[in-house]
């Protein structure tokens, strides 16, 4: 059998993730309940990816476009559970800063911390210069401090 494309593998992975987390439903509009069989989950994954050998080429194409649109709209079980309702950036990721996008407006906690550390690192003074400054200001415990601690004590 031919090797599946990266896009097909992504879809297969998503469906298997849904199965593992109990989000994969059977039947029309998921009215048939949860899928309990791994074999059934694999069959659904291959069908949604358009890689099932039991479908005709036209059925495969129809299924592929149907589920691609579903992924784009954020209507898959995984996306609904994880709160990723809108998937931007050409269907790969959301364009929020948390999802790796560039046009996010607010910083994440991790991003804010990284920004603070970058500004601290921009200090071009040596430890000796910082120590002298701390001595002038009368900072206590300066002899045991590291360069970073001296910077923090002076600011």
Protein backbone atom coordinates (compact mmCIF):
# COMPACT_ATOMS: atom_id res chain seq x y z
CA UNK A 1 0.00 0.00 0.00
CA UNK A 2 1.20 3.56 -0.76
CA UNK A 3 2.72 5.71 1.99
CA UNK A 4 0.26 8.22 3.46
CA UNK A 5 0.87 11.94 3.11
CA UNK A 6 1.77 14.16 6.09
CA UNK A 7 -1.72 15.66 6.00
CA UNK A 8 -3.27 12.19 6.18
CA UNK A 9 -1.02 11.23 9.08
CA UNK A 10 -2.06 14.40 10.91
CA UNK A 11 -5.75 13.56 10.48
CA UNK A 12 -5.17 9.95 11.51
CA UNK A 13 -3.29 11.14 14.60
CA UNK A 14 -6.10 13.53 15.53
CA UNK A 15 -8.76 10.81 15.20
CA UNK A 16 -6.73 8.37 17.28
CA UNK A 17 -6.22 11.11 19.90
CA UNK A 18 -10.01 11.57 20.01
CA UNK A 19 -10.47 7.81 20.39
CA UNK A 20 -7.94 7.62 23.21
CA UNK A 21 -9.65 10.45 25.10
CA UNK A 22 -13.16 9.09 24.55
CA UNK A 23 -14.20 11.90 22.17
CA UNK A 24 -14.59 9.82 18.99
CA UNK A 25 -18.25 9.21 18.16
CA UNK A 26 -19.81 6.74 15.76
CA UNK A 27 -22.73 7.18 13.38
CA UNK A 28 -24.27 10.30 11.90
CA UNK A 29 -23.50 13.41 13.92
CA UNK A 30 -22.10 11.21 16.69
CA UNK A 31 -25.54 9.96 17.75
CA UNK A 32 -24.30 6.35 17.89
CA UNK A 33 -22.25 6.86 21.05
CA UNK A 34 -18.51 6.57 21.68
CA UNK A 35 -16.25 4.31 19.66
CA UNK A 36 -14.90 1.55 21.91
CA UNK A 37 -13.06 -0.61 19.40
CA UNK A 38 -9.52 0.33 18.31
CA UNK A 39 -10.09 -1.31 14.92
CA UNK A 40 -13.17 0.83 14.37
CA UNK A 41 -11.21 3.95 15.35
CA UNK A 42 -8.50 3.07 12.82
CA UNK A 43 -11.15 2.56 10.12
CA UNK A 44 -12.66 5.98 10.91
CA UNK A 45 -9.19 7.57 10.89
CA UNK A 46 -8.37 6.14 7.46
CA UNK A 47 -11.77 7.17 6.12
CA UNK A 48 -11.45 10.78 7.40
CA UNK A 49 -7.91 11.02 6.02
CA UNK A 50 -9.09 9.76 2.62
CA UNK A 51 -6.79 6.76 2.78
CA UNK A 52 -9.22 3.87 3.21
CA UNK A 53 -8.78 1.08 0.67
CA UNK A 54 -12.48 0.23 1.00
CA UNK A 55 -13.61 3.59 -0.44
CA UNK A 56 -13.67 4.44 -4.13
CA UNK A 57 -11.39 7.29 -5.27
CA UNK A 58 -14.37 9.68 -5.46
CA UNK A 59 -15.53 8.69 -1.95
CA UNK A 60 -12.00 9.22 -0.64
CA UNK A 61 -11.82 12.68 -2.19
CA UNK A 62 -15.25 13.63 -0.79
CA UNK A 63 -14.33 12.40 2.71
CA UNK A 64 -10.97 14.17 2.62
CA UNK A 65 -12.48 17.55 1.71
CA UNK A 66 -15.33 17.12 4.22
CA UNK A 67 -13.04 16.46 7.17
CA UNK A 68 -10.48 19.06 6.08
CA UNK A 69 -13.27 21.66 6.27
CA UNK A 70 -14.29 20.27 9.68
CA UNK A 71 -10.70 20.67 10.97
CA UNK A 72 -10.50 24.20 9.56
CA UNK A 73 -13.72 25.27 11.29
CA UNK A 74 -12.57 23.79 14.60
CA UNK A 75 -15.45 21.32 14.81
CA UNK A 76 -13.50 18.15 15.58
CA UNK A 77 -13.95 16.54 18.98
CA UNK A 78 -10.37 17.32 19.99
CA UNK A 79 -10.61 20.99 19.02
CA UNK A 80 -13.91 21.44 20.84
CA UNK A 81 -12.57 19.83 24.00
CA UNK A 82 -9.31 21.79 23.99
CA UNK A 83 -11.03 25.09 23.19
CA UNK A 84 -9.38 25.64 19.81
CA UNK A 85 -12.49 26.86 18.06
CA UNK A 86 -10.69 28.92 15.42
CA UNK A 87 -7.62 27.62 13.64
CA UNK A 88 -5.78 30.35 11.75
CA UNK A 89 -2.33 30.52 10.14
CA UNK A 90 -3.26 28.38 7.12
CA UNK A 91 -4.94 25.69 9.21
CA UNK A 92 -1.79 24.85 11.15
CA UNK A 93 -2.16 26.78 14.38
CA UNK A 94 -4.10 29.56 15.97
CA UNK A 95 -2.51 32.96 15.61
CA UNK A 96 -2.42 33.74 19.31
CA UNK A 97 0.92 34.16 21.01
CA UNK A 98 0.28 31.02 23.07
CA UNK A 99 -0.11 29.03 19.87
CA UNK A 100 3.05 30.47 18.33
CA UNK A 101 1.39 33.21 16.28
CA UNK A 102 2.99 36.57 15.61
CA UNK A 103 -0.04 38.87 15.74
CA UNK A 104 -1.09 38.30 19.33
CA UNK A 105 -1.73 41.34 21.46
CA UNK A 106 -0.97 40.15 24.98
CA UNK A 107 2.04 38.31 26.37
CA UNK A 108 1.76 34.92 27.97
CA UNK A 109 3.29 34.38 31.41
CA UNK A 110 6.24 32.62 29.83
CA UNK A 111 6.68 35.38 27.22
CA UNK A 112 6.63 38.11 29.85
CA UNK A 113 9.29 36.27 31.87
CA UNK A 114 11.47 35.87 28.78
CA UNK A 115 11.11 39.57 27.98
CA UNK A 116 12.19 40.52 31.50
CA UNK A 117 15.24 38.30 31.34
CA UNK A 118 16.21 39.77 27.95
CA UNK A 119 16.12 43.29 29.34
CA UNK A 120 18.25 42.25 32.30
CA UNK A 121 20.80 40.62 30.03
CA UNK A 122 21.10 43.85 28.05
CA UNK A 123 22.96 45.42 31.00
CA UNK A 124 26.50 45.81 29.68
CA UNK A 125 28.12 46.46 33.07
CA UNK A 126 30.58 44.01 34.57
CA UNK A 127 30.15 42.48 38.01
CA UNK A 128 32.92 44.73 39.37
CA UNK A 129 31.15 47.87 38.10
CA UNK A 130 27.88 46.69 39.63
CA UNK A 131 29.67 45.92 42.91
CA UNK A 132 31.12 49.45 43.03
CA UNK A 133 27.69 50.91 42.41
CA UNK A 134 26.22 48.74 45.17
CA UNK A 135 29.00 49.89 47.51
CA UNK A 136 28.13 53.56 46.79
CA UNK A 137 24.44 52.87 47.50
CA UNK A 138 25.27 50.88 50.63
CA UNK A 139 23.63 47.60 49.58
CA UNK A 140 24.05 45.01 52.35
CA UNK A 141 25.32 41.50 51.53
CA UNK A 142 26.79 42.63 48.22
CA UNK A 143 29.98 40.60 48.59
CA UNK A 144 28.05 37.31 48.46
CA UNK A 145 25.84 38.35 45.53
CA UNK A 146 26.05 37.15 41.95
CA UNK A 147 25.97 39.57 39.03
CA UNK A 148 22.23 38.94 38.55
CA UNK A 149 21.55 39.56 42.27
CA UNK A 150 23.55 42.78 42.17
CA UNK A 151 21.53 43.97 39.15
CA UNK A 152 18.29 43.16 40.95
CA UNK A 153 19.42 44.92 44.15
CA UNK A 154 20.34 48.07 42.22
CA UNK A 155 17.02 48.22 40.34
